[in-house]
Amino acid sequence: MARETGDFGITVNAVAPGLTEGESAVDIPTERHELYRLNRAISRPQQPADLVGLIAFLIGDESGYITGQTFAVNGGFTMH
């Protein structure tokens, strides 16, 4: 998609959040929450607000030359 839309000034990126606290995480087993807690570089639970800064950046003019990327926001659970 990024290649198909780039010449039109349209960027295509993805945000890949980790296990984020909230209504959608209520039914996730405690063991899974513990796995994330023990294996993140930042051990506190991820909150929806932790995604806001990146998303605001990606929709702004400053990211106009960033496209075709996936951004993992998971407190360091995965690192590349």
PDB file of N, CA and C in Angstrom:
ATOM      1  N   MET A   1       0.813  -1.197   0.000  1.00  0.00           N
ATOM      2  CA  MET A   1       0.000   0.000   0.000  1.00  0.00           C
ATOM      3  C   MET A   1       0.855   1.259   0.000  1.00  0.00           C
ATOM      4  N   ALA A   2       1.907   1.240   0.794  1.00  0.00           N
ATOM      5  CA  ALA A   2       2.766   2.423   0.857  1.00  0.00           C
ATOM      6  C   ALA A   2       3.346   2.751  -0.515  1.00  0.00           C
ATOM      7  N   ARG A   3       3.744   1.743  -1.263  1.00  0.00           N
ATOM      8  CA  ARG A   3       4.300   1.978  -2.606  1.00  0.00           C
ATOM      9  C   ARG A   3       3.229   2.484  -3.566  1.00  0.00           C
ATOM     10  N   GLU A   4       2.023   2.004  -3.407  1.00  0.00           N
ATOM     11  CA  GLU A   4       0.937   2.399  -4.303  1.00  0.00           C
ATOM     12  C   GLU A   4       0.440   3.822  -4.055  1.00  0.00           C
ATOM     13  N   THR A   5       0.574   4.313  -2.834  1.00  0.00           N
ATOM     14  CA  THR A   5       0.003   5.619  -2.494  1.00  0.00           C
ATOM     15  C   THR A   5       1.037   6.713  -2.262  1.00  0.00           C
ATOM     16  N   GLY A   6       2.306   6.341  -2.223  1.00  0.00           N
ATOM     17  CA  GLY A   6       3.360   7.306  -1.904  1.00  0.00           C
ATOM     18  C   GLY A   6       3.410   8.516  -2.813  1.00  0.00           C
ATOM     19  N   ASP A   7       3.261   8.314  -4.107  1.00  0.00           N
ATOM     20  CA  ASP A   7       3.327   9.434  -5.047  1.00  0.00           C
ATOM     21  C   ASP A   7       2.142  10.383  -4.927  1.00  0.00           C
ATOM     22  N   PHE A   8       1.137   9.988  -4.186  1.00  0.00           N
ATOM     23  CA  PHE A   8      -0.019  10.853  -3.933  1.00  0.00           C
ATOM     24  C   PHE A   8       0.096  11.573  -2.586  1.00  0.00           C
ATOM     25  N   GLY A   9       1.245  11.417  -1.929  1.00  0.00           N
ATOM     26  CA  GLY A   9       1.452  12.056  -0.635  1.00  0.00           C
ATOM     27  C   GLY A   9       0.750  11.342   0.510  1.00  0.00           C
ATOM     28  N   ILE A  10       0.372  10.097   0.287  1.00  0.00           N
ATOM     29  CA  ILE A  10      -0.316   9.322   1.316  1.00  0.00           C
ATOM     30  C   ILE A  10       0.673   8.340   1.920  1.00  0.00           C
ATOM     31  N   THR A  11       0.830   8.389   3.222  1.00  0.00           N
ATOM     32  CA  THR A  11       1.715   7.458   3.918  1.00  0.00           C
ATOM     33  C   THR A  11       0.882   6.362   4.567  1.00  0.00           C
ATOM     34  N   VAL A  12       1.505   5.196   4.683  1.00  0.00           N
ATOM     35  CA  VAL A  12       0.830   4.037   5.256  1.00  0.00           C
ATOM     36  C   VAL A  12       1.758   3.421   6.297  1.00  0.00           C
ATOM     37  N   ASN A  13       1.348   3.458   7.535  1.00  0.00           N
ATOM     38  CA  ASN A  13       2.131   2.887   8.625  1.00  0.00           C
ATOM     39  C   ASN A  13       1.191   2.119   9.541  1.00  0.00           C
ATOM     40  N   ALA A  14       1.778   1.300  10.410  1.00  0.00           N
ATOM     41  CA  ALA A  14       0.980   0.529  11.365  1.00  0.00           C
ATOM     42  C   ALA A  14       1.537   0.712  12.764  1.00  0.00           C
ATOM     43  N   VAL A  15       0.655   0.758  13.729  1.00  0.00           N
ATOM     44  CA  VAL A  15       1.031   0.783  15.139  1.00  0.00           C
ATOM     45  C   VAL A  15       0.642  -0.574  15.713  1.00  0.00           C
ATOM     46  N   ALA A  16       1.606  -1.268  16.289  1.00  0.00           N
ATOM     47  CA  ALA A  16       1.389  -2.596  16.855  1.00  0.00           C
ATOM     48  C   ALA A  16       1.545  -2.513  18.371  1.00  0.00           C
ATOM     49  N   PRO A  17       0.445  -2.283  19.076  1.00  0.00           N
ATOM     50  CA  PRO A  17       0.542  -2.154  20.527  1.00  0.00           C
ATOM     51  C   PRO A  17       0.732  -3.510  21.208  1.00  0.00           C
ATOM     52  N   GLY A  18       1.356  -3.463  22.360  1.00  0.00           N
ATOM     53  CA  GLY A  18       1.438  -4.656  23.182  1.00  0.00           C
ATOM     54  C   GLY A  18       0.141  -4.826  23.947  1.00  0.00           C
ATOM     55  N   LEU A  19       0.173  -5.668  24.937  1.00  0.00           N
ATOM     56  CA  LEU A  19      -0.994  -5.910  25.780  1.00  0.00           C
ATOM     57  C   LEU A  19      -1.317  -4.622  26.535  1.00  0.00           C
ATOM     58  N   THR A  20      -2.413  -4.004  26.166  1.00  0.00           N
ATOM     59  CA  THR A  20      -2.787  -2.691  26.685  1.00  0.00           C
ATOM     60  C   THR A  20      -3.949  -2.824  27.665  1.00  0.00           C
ATOM     61  N   GLU A  21      -3.801  -2.229  28.831  1.00  0.00           N
ATOM     62  CA  GLU A  21      -4.864  -2.262  29.832  1.00  0.00           C
ATOM     63  C   GLU A  21      -6.118  -1.591  29.292  1.00  0.00           C
ATOM     64  N   GLY A  22      -7.252  -2.125  29.647  1.00  0.00           N
ATOM     65  CA  GLY A  22      -8.519  -1.547  29.218  1.00  0.00           C
ATOM     66  C   GLY A  22      -9.563  -2.630  29.047  1.00  0.00           C
ATOM     67  N   GLU A  23     -10.694  -2.230  28.544  1.00  0.00           N
ATOM     68  CA  GLU A  23     -11.822  -3.137  28.386  1.00  0.00           C
ATOM     69  C   GLU A  23     -11.484  -4.362  27.539  1.00  0.00           C
ATOM     70  N   SER A  24     -10.674  -4.175  26.516  1.00  0.00           N
ATOM     71  CA  SER A  24     -10.331  -5.291  25.625  1.00  0.00           C
ATOM     72  C   SER A  24      -9.402  -6.311  26.279  1.00  0.00           C
ATOM     73  N   ALA A  25      -8.764  -5.957  27.386  1.00  0.00           N
ATOM     74  CA  ALA A  25      -7.818  -6.857  28.043  1.00  0.00           C
ATOM     75  C   ALA A  25      -8.412  -7.579  29.247  1.00  0.00           C
ATOM     76  N   VAL A  26      -9.667  -7.314  29.566  1.00  0.00           N
ATOM     77  CA  VAL A  26     -10.285  -7.882  30.761  1.00  0.00           C
ATOM     78  C   VAL A  26     -10.306  -9.406  30.731  1.00  0.00           C
ATOM     79  N   ASP A  27     -10.559 -10.001  29.580  1.00  0.00           N
ATOM     80  CA  ASP A  27     -10.687 -11.453  29.492  1.00  0.00           C
ATOM     81  C   ASP A  27      -9.370 -12.172  29.203  1.00  0.00           C
ATOM     82  N   ILE A  28      -8.292 -11.444  29.116  1.00  0.00           N
ATOM     83  CA  ILE A  28      -6.987 -12.072  28.890  1.00  0.00           C
ATOM     84  C   ILE A  28      -6.523 -12.683  30.208  1.00  0.00           C
ATOM     85  N   PRO A  29      -6.087 -13.938  30.181  1.00  0.00           N
ATOM     86  CA  PRO A  29      -5.692 -14.620  31.419  1.00  0.00           C
ATOM     87  C   PRO A  29      -4.583 -13.892  32.175  1.00  0.00           C
ATOM     88  N   THR A  30      -4.637 -13.995  33.470  1.00  0.00           N
ATOM     89  CA  THR A  30      -3.645 -13.372  34.355  1.00  0.00           C
ATOM     90  C   THR A  30      -2.233 -13.799  33.984  1.00  0.00           C
ATOM     91  N   GLU A  31      -2.070 -15.046  33.591  1.00  0.00           N
ATOM     92  CA  GLU A  31      -0.748 -15.553  33.228  1.00  0.00           C
ATOM     93  C   GLU A  31      -0.160 -14.784  32.039  1.00  0.00           C
ATOM     94  N   ARG A  32      -1.007 -14.401  31.128  1.00  0.00           N
ATOM     95  CA  ARG A  32      -0.540 -13.644  29.958  1.00  0.00           C
ATOM     96  C   ARG A  32      -0.097 -12.242  30.373  1.00  0.00           C
ATOM     97  N   HIS A  33      -0.864 -11.605  31.256  1.00  0.00           N
ATOM     98  CA  HIS A  33      -0.471 -10.295  31.788  1.00  0.00           C
ATOM     99  C   HIS A  33       0.882 -10.401  32.496  1.00  0.00           C
ATOM    100  N   GLU A  34       1.052 -11.470  33.259  1.00  0.00           N
ATOM    101  CA  GLU A  34       2.304 -11.672  33.992  1.00  0.00           C
ATOM    102  C   GLU A  34       3.470 -11.899  33.026  1.00  0.00           C
ATOM    103  N   LEU A  35       3.244 -12.648  31.963  1.00  0.00           N
ATOM    104  CA  LEU A  35       4.274 -12.875  30.958  1.00  0.00           C
ATOM    105  C   LEU A  35       4.759 -11.552  30.378  1.00  0.00           C
ATOM    106  N   TYR A  36       3.828 -10.685  30.036  1.00  0.00           N
ATOM    107  CA  TYR A  36       4.196  -9.370  29.502  1.00  0.00           C
ATOM    108  C   TYR A  36       4.938  -8.547  30.550  1.00  0.00           C
ATOM    109  N   ARG A  37       4.438  -8.537  31.783  1.00  0.00           N
ATOM    110  CA  ARG A  37       5.073  -7.756  32.842  1.00  0.00           C
ATOM    111  C   ARG A  37       6.524  -8.184  33.053  1.00  0.00           C
ATOM    112  N   LEU A  38       6.752  -9.480  33.068  1.00  0.00           N
ATOM    113  CA  LEU A  38       8.097  -9.998  33.334  1.00  0.00           C
ATOM    114  C   LEU A  38       9.062  -9.805  32.169  1.00  0.00           C
ATOM    115  N   ASN A  39       8.553  -9.662  30.970  1.00  0.00           N
ATOM    116  CA  ASN A  39       9.413  -9.619  29.793  1.00  0.00           C
ATOM    117  C   ASN A  39       9.510  -8.264  29.100  1.00  0.00           C
ATOM    118  N   ARG A  40       8.842  -7.257  29.638  1.00  0.00           N
ATOM    119  CA  ARG A  40       8.979  -5.905  29.076  1.00  0.00           C
ATOM    120  C   ARG A  40      10.172  -5.210  29.716  1.00  0.00           C
ATOM    121  N   ALA A  41      10.786  -4.315  28.981  1.00  0.00           N
ATOM    122  CA  ALA A  41      11.840  -3.477  29.557  1.00  0.00           C
ATOM    123  C   ALA A  41      11.236  -2.492  30.550  1.00  0.00           C
ATOM    124  N   ILE A  42      10.013  -2.051  30.282  1.00  0.00           N
ATOM    125  CA  ILE A  42       9.259  -1.178  31.192  1.00  0.00           C
ATOM    126  C   ILE A  42       8.180  -2.058  31.803  1.00  0.00           C
ATOM    127  N   SER A  43       8.285  -2.353  33.079  1.00  0.00           N
ATOM    128  CA  SER A  43       7.421  -3.379  33.670  1.00  0.00           C
ATOM    129  C   SER A  43       6.004  -2.918  33.994  1.00  0.00           C
ATOM    130  N   ARG A  44       5.757  -1.621  34.024  1.00  0.00           N
ATOM    131  CA  ARG A  44       4.401  -1.174  34.361  1.00  0.00           C
ATOM    132  C   ARG A  44       3.432  -1.546  33.255  1.00  0.00           C
ATOM    133  N   PRO A  45       2.162  -1.685  33.568  1.00  0.00           N
ATOM    134  CA  PRO A  45       1.176  -2.014  32.533  1.00  0.00           C
ATOM    135  C   PRO A  45       1.092  -0.925  31.472  1.00  0.00           C
ATOM    136  N   GLN A  46       0.883  -1.351  30.242  1.00  0.00           N
ATOM    137  CA  GLN A  46       0.714  -0.398  29.139  1.00  0.00           C
ATOM    138  C   GLN A  46      -0.690   0.177  29.193  1.00  0.00           C
ATOM    139  N   GLN A  47      -0.761   1.484  29.025  1.00  0.00           N
ATOM    140  CA  GLN A  47      -2.034   2.199  29.044  1.00  0.00           C
ATOM    141  C   GLN A  47      -2.347   2.722  27.635  1.00  0.00           C
ATOM    142  N   PRO A  48      -3.620   2.914  27.316  1.00  0.00           N
ATOM    143  CA  PRO A  48      -3.962   3.484  26.010  1.00  0.00           C
ATOM    144  C   PRO A  48      -3.214   4.791  25.723  1.00  0.00           C
ATOM    145  N   ALA A  49      -2.995   5.592  26.744  1.00  0.00           N
ATOM    146  CA  ALA A  49      -2.301   6.874  26.570  1.00  0.00           C
ATOM    147  C   ALA A  49      -0.867   6.693  26.072  1.00  0.00           C
ATOM    148  N   ASP A  50      -0.291   5.505  26.261  1.00  0.00           N
ATOM    149  CA  ASP A  50       1.069   5.257  25.799  1.00  0.00           C
ATOM    150  C   ASP A  50       1.174   5.236  24.274  1.00  0.00           C
ATOM    151  N   LEU A  51       0.056   5.138  23.596  1.00  0.00           N
ATOM    152  CA  LEU A  51       0.036   5.097  22.134  1.00  0.00           C
ATOM    153  C   LEU A  51      -0.180   6.470  21.506  1.00  0.00           C
ATOM    154  N   VAL A  52      -0.674   7.399  22.295  1.00  0.00           N
ATOM    155  CA  VAL A  52      -1.119   8.696  21.771  1.00  0.00           C
ATOM    156  C   VAL A  52       0.002   9.490  21.105  1.00  0.00           C
ATOM    157  N   GLY A  53       1.155   9.553  21.728  1.00  0.00           N
ATOM    158  CA  GLY A  53       2.252  10.354  21.181  1.00  0.00           C
ATOM    159  C   GLY A  53       2.675   9.893  19.794  1.00  0.00           C
ATOM    160  N   LEU A  54       2.834   8.587  19.637  1.00  0.00           N
ATOM    161  CA  LEU A  54       3.238   8.062  18.330  1.00  0.00           C
ATOM    162  C   LEU A  54       2.162   8.307  17.287  1.00  0.00           C
ATOM    163  N   ILE A  55       0.915   8.056  17.644  1.00  0.00           N
ATOM    164  CA  ILE A  55      -0.168   8.260  16.678  1.00  0.00           C
ATOM    165  C   ILE A  55      -0.276   9.727  16.281  1.00  0.00           C
ATOM    166  N   ALA A  56      -0.155  10.626  17.242  1.00  0.00           N
ATOM    167  CA  ALA A  56      -0.199  12.061  16.932  1.00  0.00           C
ATOM    168  C   ALA A  56       0.945  12.437  15.991  1.00  0.00           C
ATOM    169  N   PHE A  57       2.112  11.877  16.225  1.00  0.00           N
ATOM    170  CA  PHE A  57       3.254  12.132  15.344  1.00  0.00           C
ATOM    171  C   PHE A  57       2.979  11.618  13.938  1.00  0.00           C
ATOM    172  N   LEU A  58       2.462  10.390  13.835  1.00  0.00           N
ATOM    173  CA  LEU A  58       2.245   9.790  12.520  1.00  0.00           C
ATOM    174  C   LEU A  58       1.187  10.511  11.692  1.00  0.00           C
ATOM    175  N   ILE A  59       0.224  11.141  12.344  1.00  0.00           N
ATOM    176  CA  ILE A  59      -0.787  11.861  11.565  1.00  0.00           C
ATOM    177  C   ILE A  59      -0.389  13.312  11.285  1.00  0.00           C
ATOM    178  N   GLY A  60       0.730  13.732  11.853  1.00  0.00           N
ATOM    179  CA  GLY A  60       1.192  15.104  11.659  1.00  0.00           C
ATOM    180  C   GLY A  60       2.130  15.244  10.472  1.00  0.00           C
ATOM    181  N   ASP A  61       2.407  16.478  10.120  1.00  0.00           N
ATOM    182  CA  ASP A  61       3.281  16.789   8.992  1.00  0.00           C
ATOM    183  C   ASP A  61       4.718  16.321   9.190  1.00  0.00           C
ATOM    184  N   GLU A  62       5.167  16.229  10.445  1.00  0.00           N
ATOM    185  CA  GLU A  62       6.556  15.867  10.721  1.00  0.00           C
ATOM    186  C   GLU A  62       6.907  14.467  10.253  1.00  0.00           C
ATOM    187  N   SER A  63       5.912  13.601  10.069  1.00  0.00           N
ATOM    188  CA  SER A  63       6.178  12.220   9.662  1.00  0.00           C
ATOM    189  C   SER A  63       5.892  12.003   8.175  1.00  0.00           C
ATOM    190  N   GLY A  64       5.835  13.064   7.412  1.00  0.00           N
ATOM    191  CA  GLY A  64       5.458  12.985   6.009  1.00  0.00           C
ATOM    192  C   GLY A  64       6.346  12.132   5.123  1.00  0.00           C
ATOM    193  N   TYR A  65       7.543  11.797   5.574  1.00  0.00           N
ATOM    194  CA  TYR A  65       8.452  10.981   4.770  1.00  0.00           C
ATOM    195  C   TYR A  65       8.663   9.607   5.386  1.00  0.00           C
ATOM    196  N   ILE A  66       7.797   9.243   6.325  1.00  0.00           N
ATOM    197  CA  ILE A  66       7.845   7.918   6.951  1.00  0.00           C
ATOM    198  C   ILE A  66       6.660   7.128   6.415  1.00  0.00           C
ATOM    199  N   THR A  67       6.947   6.004   5.771  1.00  0.00           N
ATOM    200  CA  THR A  67       5.870   5.182   5.234  1.00  0.00           C
ATOM    201  C   THR A  67       6.327   3.732   5.152  1.00  0.00           C
ATOM    202  N   GLY A  68       5.368   2.825   5.186  1.00  0.00           N
ATOM    203  CA  GLY A  68       5.661   1.404   5.079  1.00  0.00           C
ATOM    204  C   GLY A  68       6.267   0.794   6.324  1.00  0.00           C
ATOM    205  N   GLN A  69       6.044   1.415   7.475  1.00  0.00           N
ATOM    206  CA  GLN A  69       6.672   0.965   8.714  1.00  0.00           C
ATOM    207  C   GLN A  69       5.637   0.427   9.710  1.00  0.00           C
ATOM    208  N   THR A  70       6.091  -0.501  10.538  1.00  0.00           N
ATOM    209  CA  THR A  70       5.292  -0.980  11.667  1.00  0.00           C
ATOM    210  C   THR A  70       6.026  -0.579  12.927  1.00  0.00           C
ATOM    211  N   PHE A  71       5.316   0.093  13.817  1.00  0.00           N
ATOM    212  CA  PHE A  71       5.892   0.583  15.064  1.00  0.00           C
ATOM    213  C   PHE A  71       5.348  -0.250  16.221  1.00  0.00           C
ATOM    214  N   ALA A  72       6.233  -1.001  16.863  1.00  0.00           N
ATOM    215  CA  ALA A  72       5.853  -1.785  18.037  1.00  0.00           C
ATOM    216  C   ALA A  72       5.890  -0.873  19.257  1.00  0.00           C
ATOM    217  N   VAL A  73       4.762  -0.750  19.928  1.00  0.00           N
ATOM    218  CA  VAL A  73       4.669   0.044  21.155  1.00  0.00           C
ATOM    219  C   VAL A  73       4.285  -0.939  22.243  1.00  0.00           C
ATOM    220  N   ASN A  74       5.294  -1.485  22.916  1.00  0.00           N
ATOM    221  CA  ASN A  74       5.026  -2.551  23.879  1.00  0.00           C
ATOM    222  C   ASN A  74       5.953  -2.532  25.083  1.00  0.00           C
ATOM    223  N   GLY A  75       6.528  -1.381  25.364  1.00  0.00           N
ATOM    224  CA  GLY A  75       7.390  -1.247  26.544  1.00  0.00           C
ATOM    225  C   GLY A  75       8.654  -2.064  26.473  1.00  0.00           C
ATOM    226  N   GLY A  76       9.067  -2.448  25.266  1.00  0.00           N
ATOM    227  CA  GLY A  76      10.287  -3.235  25.123  1.00  0.00           C
ATOM    228  C   GLY A  76      10.060  -4.729  25.216  1.00  0.00           C
ATOM    229  N   PHE A  77       8.817  -5.190  25.067  1.00  0.00           N
ATOM    230  CA  PHE A  77       8.559  -6.636  25.049  1.00  0.00           C
ATOM    231  C   PHE A  77       9.263  -7.267  23.845  1.00  0.00           C
ATOM    232  N   THR A  78       9.204  -6.568  22.715  1.00  0.00           N
ATOM    233  CA  THR A  78      10.017  -6.963  21.554  1.00  0.00           C
ATOM    234  C   THR A  78      10.925  -5.798  21.222  1.00  0.00           C
ATOM    235  N   MET A  79      12.131  -6.108  20.836  1.00  0.00           N
ATOM    236  CA  MET A  79      13.095  -5.067  20.456  1.00  0.00           C
ATOM    237  C   MET A  79      13.801  -5.503  19.187  1.00  0.00           C
ATOM    238  N   HIS A  80      13.986  -4.539  18.290  1.00  0.00           N
ATOM    239  CA  HIS A  80      14.643  -4.850  17.007  1.00  0.00           C
ATOM    240  C   HIS A  80      15.930  -4.085  16.894  1.00  0.00           C
TER     241      HIS A  80
END
